[in-house]
C-alpha atoms as a PDB file:
ATOM      1  CA  MET A   1       0.634  -8.438  19.880  1.00  0.00           C
ATOM      2  CA  ARG A   2       2.899  -9.028  16.895  1.00  0.00           C
ATOM      3  CA  CYS A   3       2.031  -8.675  13.233  1.00  0.00           C
ATOM      4  CA  SER A   4       5.599  -8.608  11.892  1.00  0.00           C
ATOM      5  CA  SER A   5       9.001  -9.796  13.023  1.00  0.00           C
ATOM      6  CA  ALA A   6      10.431  -6.296  13.300  1.00  0.00           C
ATOM      7  CA  THR A   7       8.924  -3.409  15.212  1.00  0.00           C
ATOM      8  CA  ARG A   8      11.575  -0.722  14.636  1.00  0.00           C
ATOM      9  CA  ALA A   9      10.580   0.793  17.951  1.00  0.00           C
ATOM     10  CA  SER A  10      13.702   2.924  17.974  1.00  0.00           C
ATOM     11  CA  SER A  11      12.460   4.682  14.852  1.00  0.00           C
ATOM     12  CA  ALA A  12       8.919   5.214  16.059  1.00  0.00           C
ATOM     13  CA  ARG A  13       7.699   8.773  16.410  1.00  0.00           C
ATOM     14  CA  SER A  14       6.241  10.103  19.640  1.00  0.00           C
ATOM     15  CA  ALA A  15       2.584   9.459  20.391  1.00  0.00           C
ATOM     16  CA  SER A  16       1.908  13.162  20.769  1.00  0.00           C
ATOM     17  CA  SER A  17       2.980  13.887  17.206  1.00  0.00           C
ATOM     18  CA  ARG A  18       0.485  11.506  15.650  1.00  0.00           C
ATOM     19  CA  THR A  19      -2.374   9.608  17.196  1.00  0.00           C
ATOM     20  CA  LEU A  20      -4.191   9.230  13.856  1.00  0.00           C
ATOM     21  CA  SER A  21      -7.708   7.946  14.435  1.00  0.00           C
ATOM     22  CA  ALA A  22      -7.021   5.085  16.843  1.00  0.00           C
ATOM     23  CA  SER A  23      -7.882   7.028  20.006  1.00  0.00           C
ATOM     24  CA  ARG A  24     -11.219   8.317  18.706  1.00  0.00           C
ATOM     25  CA  SER A  25     -14.012   8.215  21.265  1.00  0.00           C
ATOM     26  CA  PHE A  26     -17.288   6.475  20.581  1.00  0.00           C
ATOM     27  CA  ARG A  27     -19.568   9.353  19.634  1.00  0.00           C
ATOM     28  CA  SER A  28     -22.443   7.684  17.796  1.00  0.00           C
ATOM     29  CA  ALA A  29     -22.885   4.579  19.971  1.00  0.00           C
ATOM     30  CA  SER A  30     -21.611   3.181  23.253  1.00  0.00           C
ATOM     31  CA  PHE A  31     -18.780   0.672  23.217  1.00  0.00           C
ATOM     32  CA  SER A  32     -20.870  -2.070  24.776  1.00  0.00           C
ATOM     33  CA  SER A  33     -23.697  -1.624  22.289  1.00  0.00           C
ATOM     34  CA  LEU A  34     -21.282  -1.845  19.363  1.00  0.00           C
ATOM     35  CA  LEU A  35     -19.950  -5.151  20.663  1.00  0.00           C
ATOM     36  CA  LEU A  36     -23.430  -6.494  21.347  1.00  0.00           C
ATOM     37  CA  ASN A  37     -24.415  -5.746  17.751  1.00  0.00           C
ATOM     38  CA  ILE A  38     -21.873  -8.236  16.395  1.00  0.00           C
ATOM     39  CA  ALA A  39     -23.957 -11.008  14.883  1.00  0.00           C
ATOM     40  CA  PRO A  40     -22.711 -14.492  15.830  1.00  0.00           C
ATOM     41  CA  PRO A  41     -21.825 -16.781  12.909  1.00  0.00           C
ATOM     42  CA  SER A  42     -23.741 -19.927  12.187  1.00  0.00           C
ATOM     43  CA  ALA A  43     -22.994 -22.896  14.403  1.00  0.00           C
ATOM     44  CA  GLY A  44     -19.817 -24.648  13.381  1.00  0.00           C
ATOM     45  CA  ILE A  45     -18.835 -21.926  10.954  1.00  0.00           C
ATOM     46  CA  SER A  46     -15.315 -21.705  12.394  1.00  0.00           C
ATOM     47  CA  ALA A  47     -14.639 -25.193  11.043  1.00  0.00           C
ATOM     48  CA  THR A  48     -16.870 -25.338   7.963  1.00  0.00           C
ATOM     49  CA  PHE A  49     -17.386 -22.388   5.662  1.00  0.00           C
ATOM     50  CA  PRO A  50     -20.371 -22.055   3.332  1.00  0.00           C
ATOM     51  CA  ALA A  51     -19.771 -22.599  -0.340  1.00  0.00           C
ATOM     52  CA  VAL A  52     -19.535 -19.446  -2.402  1.00  0.00           C
ATOM     53  CA  ALA A  53     -21.365 -19.416  -5.701  1.00  0.00           C
ATOM     54  CA  LYS A  54     -19.178 -19.145  -8.751  1.00  0.00           C
ATOM     55  CA  ARG A  55     -19.448 -15.716 -10.292  1.00  0.00           C
ATOM     56  CA  SER A  56     -19.627 -14.922 -13.976  1.00  0.00           C
ATOM     57  CA  VAL A  57     -16.536 -13.261 -15.364  1.00  0.00           C
ATOM     58  CA  PRO A  58     -17.074 -10.367 -17.787  1.00  0.00           C
ATOM     59  CA  THR A  59     -15.638 -11.020 -21.207  1.00  0.00           C
ATOM     60  CA  GLY A  60     -11.988 -10.043 -21.366  1.00  0.00           C
ATOM     61  CA  GLU A  61     -11.606  -9.512 -17.616  1.00  0.00           C
ATOM     62  CA  LEU A  62      -9.138 -12.329 -17.172  1.00  0.00           C
ATOM     63  CA  SER A  63      -7.361 -12.128 -20.500  1.00  0.00           C
ATOM     64  CA  ALA A  64      -4.272 -10.210 -21.524  1.00  0.00           C
ATOM     65  CA  PRO A  65      -2.653 -10.546 -24.936  1.00  0.00           C
ATOM     66  CA  VAL A  66       0.955 -10.644 -23.721  1.00  0.00           C
ATOM     67  CA  HIS A  67       1.094 -11.155 -19.958  1.00  0.00           C
ATOM     68  CA  ASP A  68      -0.928 -13.943 -18.417  1.00  0.00           C
ATOM     69  CA  GLY A  69      -1.293 -12.452 -14.939  1.00  0.00           C
ATOM     70  CA  ARG A  70      -0.541 -15.856 -13.448  1.00  0.00           C
ATOM     71  CA  VAL A  71      -1.285 -16.485  -9.793  1.00  0.00           C
ATOM     72  CA  PRO A  72       1.966 -16.961  -7.810  1.00  0.00           C
ATOM     73  CA  ALA A  73       2.118 -20.386  -6.118  1.00  0.00           C
ATOM     74  CA  GLU A  74       1.971 -18.880  -2.633  1.00  0.00           C
ATOM     75  CA  GLU A  75      -1.241 -17.022  -3.565  1.00  0.00           C
ATOM     76  CA  ALA A  76      -3.095 -20.014  -5.027  1.00  0.00           C
ATOM     77  CA  GLU A  77      -5.994 -21.456  -3.026  1.00  0.00           C
ATOM     78  CA  ASP A  78      -8.180 -24.524  -3.018  1.00  0.00           C
ATOM     79  CA  GLU A  79     -11.986 -24.471  -2.798  1.00  0.00           C
ATOM     80  CA  THR A  80     -12.041 -24.605   1.017  1.00  0.00           C
ATOM     81  CA  GLU A  81      -9.631 -21.697   1.288  1.00  0.00           C
ATOM     82  CA  ARG A  82     -11.636 -19.712  -1.237  1.00  0.00           C
ATOM     83  CA  ASN A  83     -14.893 -20.287   0.604  1.00  0.00           C
ATOM     84  CA  LYS A  84     -13.269 -19.251   3.877  1.00  0.00           C
ATOM     85  CA  ARG A  85     -11.743 -16.085   2.397  1.00  0.00           C
ATOM     86  CA  ARG A  86     -14.935 -14.985   0.671  1.00  0.00           C
ATOM     87  CA  TYR A  87     -17.004 -15.733   3.763  1.00  0.00           C
ATOM     88  CA  GLN A  88     -14.658 -13.866   6.111  1.00  0.00           C
ATOM     89  CA  ARG A  89     -14.286 -10.789   3.935  1.00  0.00           C
ATOM     90  CA  ALA A  90     -18.028 -10.179   4.199  1.00  0.00           C
ATOM     91  CA  LEU A  91     -18.010 -10.200   8.012  1.00  0.00           C
ATOM     92  CA  PHE A  92     -16.582  -6.696   8.410  1.00  0.00           C
ATOM     93  CA  ASP A  93     -19.808  -5.138   7.192  1.00  0.00           C
ATOM     94  CA  ASP A  94     -21.540  -6.346  10.364  1.00  0.00           C
ATOM     95  CA  VAL A  95     -19.174  -4.249  12.510  1.00  0.00           C
ATOM     96  CA  ALA A  96     -18.889  -1.112  10.376  1.00  0.00           C
ATOM     97  CA  GLN A  97     -19.454   1.295  13.288  1.00  0.00           C
ATOM     98  CA  LEU A  98     -16.966  -0.522  15.523  1.00  0.00           C
ATOM     99  CA  TYR A  99     -14.469  -0.639  12.639  1.00  0.00           C
ATOM    100  CA  GLN A 100     -14.793   3.102  12.178  1.00  0.00           C
ATOM    101  CA  ALA A 101     -14.412   3.793  15.899  1.00  0.00           C
ATOM    102  CA  THR A 102     -11.277   1.732  16.493  1.00  0.00           C
ATOM    103  CA  ARG A 103      -9.241   1.006  13.356  1.00  0.00           C
ATOM    104  CA  PRO A 104      -6.178   3.226  12.784  1.00  0.00           C
ATOM    105  CA  GLY A 105      -5.700   5.461   9.765  1.00  0.00           C
ATOM    106  CA  TYR A 106      -2.650   5.945   7.537  1.00  0.00           C
ATOM    107  CA  PRO A 107       0.065   8.595   7.963  1.00  0.00           C
ATOM    108  CA  PRO A 108       0.296  11.414   5.397  1.00  0.00           C
ATOM    109  CA  GLU A 109       3.894  10.412   4.643  1.00  0.00           C
ATOM    110  CA  LEU A 110       2.632   7.167   3.121  1.00  0.00           C
ATOM    111  CA  THR A 111       0.093   8.747   0.803  1.00  0.00           C
ATOM    112  CA  GLY A 112       2.591  11.481  -0.045  1.00  0.00           C
ATOM    113  CA  PHE A 113       5.087   8.830  -1.125  1.00  0.00           C
ATOM    114  CA  VAL A 114       2.433   7.082  -3.203  1.00  0.00           C
ATOM    115  CA  ALA A 115       1.330  10.271  -4.964  1.00  0.00           C
ATOM    116  CA  ALA A 116       4.902  11.329  -5.731  1.00  0.00           C
ATOM    117  CA  THR A 117       5.970   7.892  -6.966  1.00  0.00           C
ATOM    118  CA  ALA A 118       2.918   7.443  -9.184  1.00  0.00           C
ATOM    119  CA  SER A 119       3.039  11.070 -10.372  1.00  0.00           C
ATOM    120  CA  VAL A 120      -0.652  11.610  -9.680  1.00  0.00           C
ATOM    121  CA  GLY A 121      -2.164  14.852  -8.486  1.00  0.00           C
ATOM    122  CA  ALA A 122      -5.287  16.969  -8.396  1.00  0.00           C
ATOM    123  CA  GLY A 123      -7.930  15.785 -10.827  1.00  0.00           C
ATOM    124  CA  ASP A 124      -6.222  12.500 -11.692  1.00  0.00           C
ATOM    125  CA  PRO A 125      -8.535   9.451 -11.599  1.00  0.00           C
ATOM    126  CA  VAL A 126      -7.713   7.170  -8.669  1.00  0.00           C
ATOM    127  CA  LEU A 127      -9.457   3.979  -7.544  1.00  0.00           C
ATOM    128  CA  GLU A 128      -9.363   2.879  -3.913  1.00  0.00           C
ATOM    129  CA  VAL A 129     -10.255  -0.783  -3.452  1.00  0.00           C
ATOM    130  CA  GLY A 130     -11.771  -1.941  -0.171  1.00  0.00           C
ATOM    131  CA  CYS A 131     -12.134   1.493   1.379  1.00  0.00           C
ATOM    132  CA  GLY A 132     -13.862   0.192   4.509  1.00  0.00           C
ATOM    133  CA  THR A 133     -14.884   3.143   6.659  1.00  0.00           C
ATOM    134  CA  GLY A 134     -12.291   5.482   5.182  1.00  0.00           C
ATOM    135  CA  GLN A 135      -9.014   4.850   7.018  1.00  0.00           C
ATOM    136  CA  LEU A 136      -7.006   5.312   3.815  1.00  0.00           C
ATOM    137  CA  THR A 137      -9.612   7.430   2.035  1.00  0.00           C
ATOM    138  CA  GLN A 138      -9.174  10.217   4.585  1.00  0.00           C
ATOM    139  CA  ALA A 139      -5.431  10.352   3.905  1.00  0.00           C
ATOM    140  CA  LEU A 140      -6.018  10.564   0.137  1.00  0.00           C
ATOM    141  CA  LEU A 141      -8.357  13.559   0.277  1.00  0.00           C
ATOM    142  CA  PRO A 142      -5.753  16.353   0.489  1.00  0.00           C
ATOM    143  CA  PHE A 143      -4.392  15.492  -2.969  1.00  0.00           C
ATOM    144  CA  GLY A 144      -7.589  16.404  -4.777  1.00  0.00           C
ATOM    145  CA  PHE A 145      -7.776  13.197  -6.792  1.00  0.00           C
ATOM    146  CA  ALA A 146     -10.878  12.313  -8.777  1.00  0.00           C
ATOM    147  CA  LEU A 147     -11.296   9.501  -6.277  1.00  0.00           C
ATOM    148  CA  THR A 148     -13.579   6.505  -6.630  1.00  0.00           C
ATOM    149  CA  ALA A 149     -13.713   4.350  -3.484  1.00  0.00           C
ATOM    150  CA  ILE A 150     -15.362   0.942  -3.471  1.00  0.00           C
ATOM    151  CA  ASP A 151     -16.174  -1.658  -0.833  1.00  0.00           C
ATOM    152  CA  LEU A 152     -18.313  -4.774  -1.016  1.00  0.00           C
ATOM    153  CA  GLY A 153     -20.025  -3.831   2.271  1.00  0.00           C
ATOM    154  CA  ALA A 154     -23.064  -1.557   2.005  1.00  0.00           C
ATOM    155  CA  ALA A 155     -22.783  -0.626   5.695  1.00  0.00           C
ATOM    156  CA  MET A 156     -19.128   0.287   5.247  1.00  0.00           C
ATOM    157  CA  ILE A 157     -20.019   2.583   2.355  1.00  0.00           C
ATOM    158  CA  GLU A 158     -22.811   4.179   4.369  1.00  0.00           C
ATOM    159  CA  VAL A 159     -20.448   4.938   7.263  1.00  0.00           C
ATOM    160  CA  VAL A 160     -17.644   6.331   5.116  1.00  0.00           C
ATOM    161  CA  SER A 161     -20.073   8.431   3.075  1.00  0.00           C
ATOM    162  CA  GLU A 162     -21.375  10.035   6.260  1.00  0.00           C
ATOM    163  CA  ARG A 163     -17.853  10.515   7.594  1.00  0.00           C
ATOM    164  CA  ILE A 164     -16.289  12.105   4.514  1.00  0.00           C
ATOM    165  CA  GLY A 165     -19.213  13.348   2.478  1.00  0.00           C
ATOM    166  CA  ALA A 166     -20.296  11.761  -0.761  1.00  0.00           C
ATOM    167  CA  GLY A 167     -19.643  14.944  -2.718  1.00  0.00           C
ATOM    168  CA  ARG A 168     -15.879  14.674  -2.220  1.00  0.00           C
ATOM    169  CA  VAL A 169     -15.532  11.048  -3.323  1.00  0.00           C
ATOM    170  CA  THR A 170     -17.528   8.722  -5.565  1.00  0.00           C
ATOM    171  CA  PHE A 171     -18.459   5.818  -3.301  1.00  0.00           C
ATOM    172  CA  ARG A 172     -19.758   2.509  -4.618  1.00  0.00           C
ATOM    173  CA  ALA A 173     -20.859  -0.615  -2.751  1.00  0.00           C
ATOM    174  CA  VAL A 174     -19.398  -3.236  -5.068  1.00  0.00           C
ATOM    175  CA  ALA A 175     -16.730  -5.926  -4.937  1.00  0.00           C
ATOM    176  CA  PHE A 176     -13.621  -5.330  -7.015  1.00  0.00           C
ATOM    177  CA  GLU A 177     -14.348  -8.515  -8.952  1.00  0.00           C
ATOM    178  CA  GLU A 178     -17.723  -7.088 -10.001  1.00  0.00           C
ATOM    179  CA  LEU A 179     -16.669  -3.501 -10.638  1.00  0.00           C
ATOM    180  CA  ASP A 180     -17.646  -2.334 -14.108  1.00  0.00           C
ATOM    181  CA  ALA A 181     -15.101   0.230 -15.293  1.00  0.00           C
ATOM    182  CA  ALA A 182     -13.540   0.902 -18.666  1.00  0.00           C
ATOM    183  CA  PRO A 183     -10.012  -0.362 -19.312  1.00  0.00           C
ATOM    184  CA  GLY A 184      -7.293   2.226 -18.811  1.00  0.00           C
ATOM    185  CA  THR A 185      -9.452   4.442 -16.609  1.00  0.00           C
ATOM    186  CA  PHE A 186      -7.175   5.105 -13.638  1.00  0.00           C
ATOM    187  CA  GLY A 187      -3.734   6.516 -13.014  1.00  0.00           C
ATOM    188  CA  LEU A 188      -3.525   4.760  -9.646  1.00  0.00           C
ATOM    189  CA  VAL A 189      -5.238   1.742  -8.108  1.00  0.00           C
ATOM    190  CA  ILE A 190      -4.652   1.614  -4.354  1.00  0.00           C
ATOM    191  CA  ALA A 191      -5.829  -0.678  -1.572  1.00  0.00           C
ATOM    192  CA  GLY A 192      -5.339  -0.453   2.187  1.00  0.00           C
ATOM    193  CA  ALA A 193      -5.438  -3.757   4.111  1.00  0.00           C
ATOM    194  CA  ALA A 194      -7.846  -5.158   1.545  1.00  0.00           C
ATOM    195  CA  PHE A 195      -6.025  -6.487  -1.517  1.00  0.00           C
ATOM    196  CA  HIS A 196      -5.554  -9.993  -0.093  1.00  0.00           C
ATOM    197  CA  TRP A 197      -9.347 -10.409   0.104  1.00  0.00           C
ATOM    198  CA  ILE A 198      -9.710 -10.226  -3.697  1.00  0.00           C
ATOM    199  CA  ASP A 199      -9.878 -13.437  -5.746  1.00  0.00           C
ATOM    200  CA  PRO A 200      -6.226 -14.304  -6.556  1.00  0.00           C
ATOM    201  CA  GLU A 201      -6.841 -14.811 -10.269  1.00  0.00           C
ATOM    202  CA  VAL A 202      -8.486 -11.378 -10.502  1.00  0.00           C
ATOM    203  CA  ARG A 203      -6.551  -9.021  -8.247  1.00  0.00           C
ATOM    204  CA  PHE A 204      -3.503  -8.323 -10.429  1.00  0.00           C
ATOM    205  CA  ARG A 205      -5.078  -8.868 -13.841  1.00  0.00           C
ATOM    206  CA  LYS A 206      -7.979  -6.539 -13.264  1.00  0.00           C
ATOM    207  CA  ALA A 207      -5.806  -3.900 -11.600  1.00  0.00           C
ATOM    208  CA  ALA A 208      -3.564  -3.881 -14.675  1.00  0.00           C
ATOM    209  CA  ARG A 209      -6.550  -3.725 -17.013  1.00  0.00           C
ATOM    210  CA  LEU A 210      -8.018  -0.718 -15.201  1.00  0.00           C
ATOM    211  CA  LEU A 211      -4.742   1.210 -15.226  1.00  0.00           C
ATOM    212  CA  ARG A 212      -3.801   3.598 -18.005  1.00  0.00           C
ATOM    213  CA  PRO A 213      -0.274   3.443 -19.486  1.00  0.00           C
ATOM    214  CA  GLY A 214       2.128   4.699 -16.841  1.00  0.00           C
ATOM    215  CA  GLY A 215      -0.343   3.900 -14.064  1.00  0.00           C
ATOM    216  CA  TRP A 216       0.599   2.338 -10.740  1.00  0.00           C
ATOM    217  CA  LEU A 217      -0.759  -0.286  -8.355  1.00  0.00           C
ATOM    218  CA  ALA A 218      -0.204   0.484  -4.651  1.00  0.00           C
ATOM    219  CA  VAL A 219      -0.973  -1.989  -1.871  1.00  0.00           C
ATOM    220  CA  ALA A 220      -0.827  -0.643   1.670  1.00  0.00           C
ATOM    221  CA  GLY A 221      -1.204  -2.273   5.057  1.00  0.00           C
ATOM    222  CA  TYR A 222      -0.016  -1.977   8.626  1.00  0.00           C
ATOM    223  CA  ASP A 223       1.506  -4.126  11.340  1.00  0.00           C
ATOM    224  CA  GLU A 224       0.942  -3.497  15.037  1.00  0.00           C
ATOM    225  CA  ARG A 225       2.804  -4.340  18.235  1.00  0.00           C
ATOM    226  CA  TYR A 226       1.291  -3.594  21.632  1.00  0.00           C
ATOM    227  CA  ASP A 227       3.666  -2.597  24.413  1.00  0.00           C
ATOM    228  CA  GLU A 228       4.410  -5.194  27.077  1.00  0.00           C
ATOM    229  CA  PRO A 229       2.979  -6.858  29.041  1.00  0.00           C
ATOM    230  CA  LEU A 230      -0.099  -6.862  26.805  1.00  0.00           C
ATOM    231  CA  GLY A 231       1.771  -7.734  23.614  1.00  0.00           C
ATOM    232  CA  SER A 232       2.974 -11.167  24.695  1.00  0.00           C
ATOM    233  CA  ALA A 233      -0.256 -11.917  26.557  1.00  0.00           C
ATOM    234  CA  LEU A 234      -2.380 -11.175  23.506  1.00  0.00           C
ATOM    235  CA  ASP A 235      -0.054 -13.254  21.325  1.00  0.00           C
ATOM    236  CA  ALA A 236      -0.701 -16.211  23.614  1.00  0.00           C
ATOM    237  CA  MET A 237      -4.460 -15.611  23.575  1.00  0.00           C
ATOM    238  CA  TRP A 238      -4.561 -15.689  19.793  1.00  0.00           C
ATOM    239  CA  LEU A 239      -2.288 -18.723  19.597  1.00  0.00           C
ATOM    240  CA  ALA A 240      -4.545 -20.619  21.973  1.00  0.00           C
ATOM    241  CA  ARG A 241      -7.659 -19.937  19.904  1.00  0.00           C
ATOM    242  CA  ALA A 242      -6.601 -19.353  16.322  1.00  0.00           C
ATOM    243  CA  GLY A 243      -3.368 -21.324  16.050  1.00  0.00           C
ATOM    244  CA  THR A 244      -1.376 -18.267  15.055  1.00  0.00           C
ATOM    245  CA  ALA A 245      -0.315 -15.027  16.678  1.00  0.00           C
ATOM    246  CA  GLY A 246      -0.616 -13.423  13.258  1.00  0.00           C
ATOM    247  CA  ALA A 247      -4.311 -14.052  12.745  1.00  0.00           C
ATOM    248  CA  TRP A 248      -4.921 -10.361  12.165  1.00  0.00           C
ATOM    249  CA  VAL A 249      -2.042  -9.617   9.776  1.00  0.00           C
ATOM    250  CA  THR A 250      -3.204  -7.328   6.980  1.00  0.00           C
ATOM    251  CA  ARG A 251      -0.904  -9.076   4.502  1.00  0.00           C
ATOM    252  CA  SER A 252      -0.068  -6.328   2.097  1.00  0.00           C
ATOM    253  CA  ALA A 253       1.143  -7.709  -1.224  1.00  0.00           C
ATOM    254  CA  ASP A 254       4.918  -7.905  -1.422  1.00  0.00           C
ATOM    255  CA  SER A 255       7.100  -7.107  -4.400  1.00  0.00           C
ATOM    256  CA  ALA A 256       7.566 -10.781  -5.262  1.00  0.00           C
ATOM    257  CA  ALA A 257       3.801 -11.344  -5.513  1.00  0.00           C
ATOM    258  CA  ILE A 258       3.297  -8.272  -7.681  1.00  0.00           C
ATOM    259  CA  GLY A 259       6.289  -9.114  -9.870  1.00  0.00           C
ATOM    260  CA  GLY A 260       5.194 -12.734 -10.088  1.00  0.00           C
ATOM    261  CA  SER A 261       2.013 -11.685 -11.869  1.00  0.00           C
ATOM    262  CA  GLY A 262       4.033 -10.706 -14.942  1.00  0.00           C
ATOM    263  CA  LEU A 263       1.996  -7.506 -15.311  1.00  0.00           C
ATOM    264  CA  PHE A 264       4.016  -4.930 -13.383  1.00  0.00           C
ATOM    265  CA  GLY A 265       7.494  -3.483 -13.334  1.00  0.00           C
ATOM    266  CA  PRO A 266       9.958  -3.262 -10.433  1.00  0.00           C
ATOM    267  CA  ALA A 267       8.281  -2.474  -7.125  1.00  0.00           C
ATOM    268  CA  ALA A 268       9.018   0.298  -4.643  1.00  0.00           C
ATOM    269  CA  GLU A 269       8.469  -0.390  -0.952  1.00  0.00           C
ATOM    270  CA  ARG A 270       8.413   1.935   2.060  1.00  0.00           C
ATOM    271  CA  THR A 271       7.575   1.532   5.746  1.00  0.00           C
ATOM    272  CA  PHE A 272       6.407   4.373   7.999  1.00  0.00           C
ATOM    273  CA  PRO A 273       6.634   3.532  11.716  1.00  0.00           C
ATOM    274  CA  HIS A 274       4.852   5.649  14.278  1.00  0.00           C
ATOM    275  CA  ARG A 275       3.444   5.440  17.772  1.00  0.00           C
ATOM    276  CA  ILE A 276      -0.148   5.664  18.941  1.00  0.00           C
ATOM    277  CA  THR A 277      -1.905   5.305  22.279  1.00  0.00           C
ATOM    278  CA  ARG A 278      -4.975   3.082  22.318  1.00  0.00           C
ATOM    279  CA  GLN A 279      -7.579   3.201  25.081  1.00  0.00           C
ATOM    280  CA  ALA A 280      -8.398  -0.129  26.729  1.00  0.00           C
ATOM    281  CA  GLN A 281     -11.934  -0.206  25.297  1.00  0.00           C
ATOM    282  CA  ASP A 282     -10.510   0.449  21.842  1.00  0.00           C
ATOM    283  CA  VAL A 283      -8.110  -2.486  22.219  1.00  0.00           C
ATOM    284  CA  ILE A 284     -11.129  -4.743  22.783  1.00  0.00           C
ATOM    285  CA  GLY A 285     -12.917  -3.059  19.888  1.00  0.00           C
ATOM    286  CA  VAL A 286     -10.065  -3.564  17.443  1.00  0.00           C
ATOM    287  CA  GLU A 287      -9.685  -7.227  18.353  1.00  0.00           C
ATOM    288  CA  ASN A 288     -13.397  -7.668  17.632  1.00  0.00           C
ATOM    289  CA  THR A 289     -12.955  -6.383  14.084  1.00  0.00           C
ATOM    290  CA  ARG A 290     -10.543  -9.140  13.037  1.00  0.00           C
ATOM    291  CA  ALA A 291     -11.850 -11.630  10.486  1.00  0.00           C
ATOM    292  CA  THR A 292     -10.768 -14.515  12.688  1.00  0.00           C
ATOM    293  CA  SER A 293     -12.560 -13.365  15.840  1.00  0.00           C
ATOM    294  CA  LEU A 294     -15.639 -12.421  13.818  1.00  0.00           C
ATOM    295  CA  SER A 295     -15.766 -16.053  12.625  1.00  0.00           C
ATOM    296  CA  TRP A 296     -15.918 -17.434  16.157  1.00  0.00           C
ATOM    297  CA  PRO A 297     -19.157 -18.559  17.819  1.00  0.00           C
ATOM    298  CA  ALA A 298     -20.502 -16.001  20.281  1.00  0.00           C
ATOM    299  CA  ALA A 299     -19.437 -18.045  23.323  1.00  0.00           C
ATOM    300  CA  GLU A 300     -15.833 -18.259  22.167  1.00  0.00           C
ATOM    301  CA  ARG A 301     -15.679 -14.555  21.377  1.00  0.00           C
ATOM    302  CA  GLY A 302     -17.225 -13.780  24.762  1.00  0.00           C
ATOM    303  CA  ALA A 303     -14.577 -15.822  26.558  1.00  0.00           C
ATOM    304  CA  PHE A 304     -11.847 -14.076  24.575  1.00  0.00           C
ATOM    305  CA  ASN A 305     -13.238 -10.648  25.487  1.00  0.00           C
ATOM    306  CA  ALA A 306     -13.554 -11.576  29.163  1.00  0.00           C
ATOM    307  CA  GLU A 307      -9.910 -12.631  29.295  1.00  0.00           C
ATOM    308  CA  LEU A 308      -8.837  -9.524  27.413  1.00  0.00           C
ATOM    309  CA  ARG A 309     -10.762  -7.276  29.815  1.00  0.00           C
ATOM    310  CA  GLU A 310      -8.987  -8.952  32.703  1.00  0.00           C
ATOM    311  CA  ARG A 311      -5.613  -8.355  31.050  1.00  0.00           C
ATOM    312  CA  LEU A 312      -6.540  -4.690  30.618  1.00  0.00           C
ATOM    313  CA  ARG A 313      -7.966  -4.187  34.102  1.00  0.00           C
ATOM    314  CA  ASP A 314      -4.938  -2.176  35.266  1.00  0.00           C
ATOM    315  CA  LEU A 315      -4.137  -0.728  31.824  1.00  0.00           C
ATOM    316  CA  PRO A 316      -6.484   2.174  30.982  1.00  0.00           C
ATOM    317  CA  GLU A 317      -4.442   2.764  27.821  1.00  0.00           C
ATOM    318  CA  VAL A 318      -1.728   0.943  25.907  1.00  0.00           C
ATOM    319  CA  GLY A 319       1.055   2.128  23.647  1.00  0.00           C
ATOM    320  CA  VAL A 320       1.182   0.639  20.159  1.00  0.00           C
ATOM    321  CA  THR A 321       3.926   0.676  17.560  1.00  0.00           C
ATOM    322  CA  VAL A 322       2.266   0.824  14.145  1.00  0.00           C
ATOM    323  CA  GLU A 323       4.207   0.231  10.950  1.00  0.00           C
ATOM    324  CA  ALA A 324       2.248   1.426   7.953  1.00  0.00           C
ATOM    325  CA  SER A 325       3.719   0.111   4.722  1.00  0.00           C
ATOM    326  CA  VAL A 326       3.136   0.284   1.019  1.00  0.00           C
ATOM    327  CA  THR A 327       4.340  -1.731  -1.960  1.00  0.00           C
ATOM    328  CA  MET A 328       3.724  -0.246  -5.389  1.00  0.00           C
ATOM    329  CA  ALA A 329       4.682  -0.970  -8.971  1.00  0.00           C
ATOM    330  CA  PRO A 330       4.018   0.469 -12.447  1.00  0.00           C
ATOM    331  CA  VAL A 331       1.880  -1.469 -14.869  1.00  0.00           C
ATOM    332  CA  LEU A 332       3.832  -2.765 -17.856  1.00  0.00           C
ATOM    333  CA  PRO A 333       2.972  -0.982 -21.125  1.00  0.00           C
ATOM    334  CA  ALA A 334       1.633  -4.129 -22.805  1.00  0.00           C
ATOM    335  CA  ALA A 335      -0.614  -4.906 -19.821  1.00  0.00           C
ATOM    336  CA  ALA A 336      -2.129  -1.457 -19.230  1.00  0.00           C
ATOM    337  CA  GLY A 337      -5.780  -1.400 -20.237  1.00  0.00           C
ATOM    338  CA  ALA A 338      -5.477  -4.904 -21.706  1.00  0.00           C
END
């Protein structure tokens, strides 16, 4: 299964040196029960998405005196695309336990690079946007940040709070668009596989407003490639149902998108390839935490899972090349806290 054009397999580290969290066993619930708890979407929802009510924008949230925080053309969306994005981003909350059990974490080299580049350390205020069940949160803990982690899913926040402990991090169940925080509060705003779910006209402007002078925005994500023969087979399965083999791409913001906002300086980008081994049941679990598959009617998702189980019948585990990446940039002085 391909999420990027390059896998850099020759640079990947051995599976024994880092398995991260992808090979975790299901301790709190059986695999089958986690899948059965996925609520099917409304009939026809894969073709028609419910309208999303317009939200009120706090005074000053979308204004900056010098930089307009314009939305790059490739990030603009029409009403149908907006409804689809806002509908799909809420689906993950229904599979919080499965998400926790199967989604991979981030390597310490990535968070180490972020901390060093942004010059943030123990006690510095950091905001994590879209924390999910703590895949990135866990990797941020060793730095001792005054960390606030938010997610729009109440179930996600419940799971991550139990996993990490609420006393170590301030967790809040709130969307980034609705977060009430004073301008210039944070030295770092960071998101892992979540920034693309934020309203385009808000994501860069609000990040800049919440950053103090000298603060940084960091957007992380990861691409995955299953070893053959599963990789090509799963590509074909997704193409047949979703029209793209990249339906699950985490789409971390690139330097052009960040620079195109007019609010940030030159970006720094790094990629950290590594190898993991994923159990067959976890492969099925991960593919059932994608926004696209969560949007399918139950019958379509069932057929997909049946075919995937057949593909995995003689593969108790599968090797995966994971490329964790981060793009980060400093807020411009005139935009910080504006």
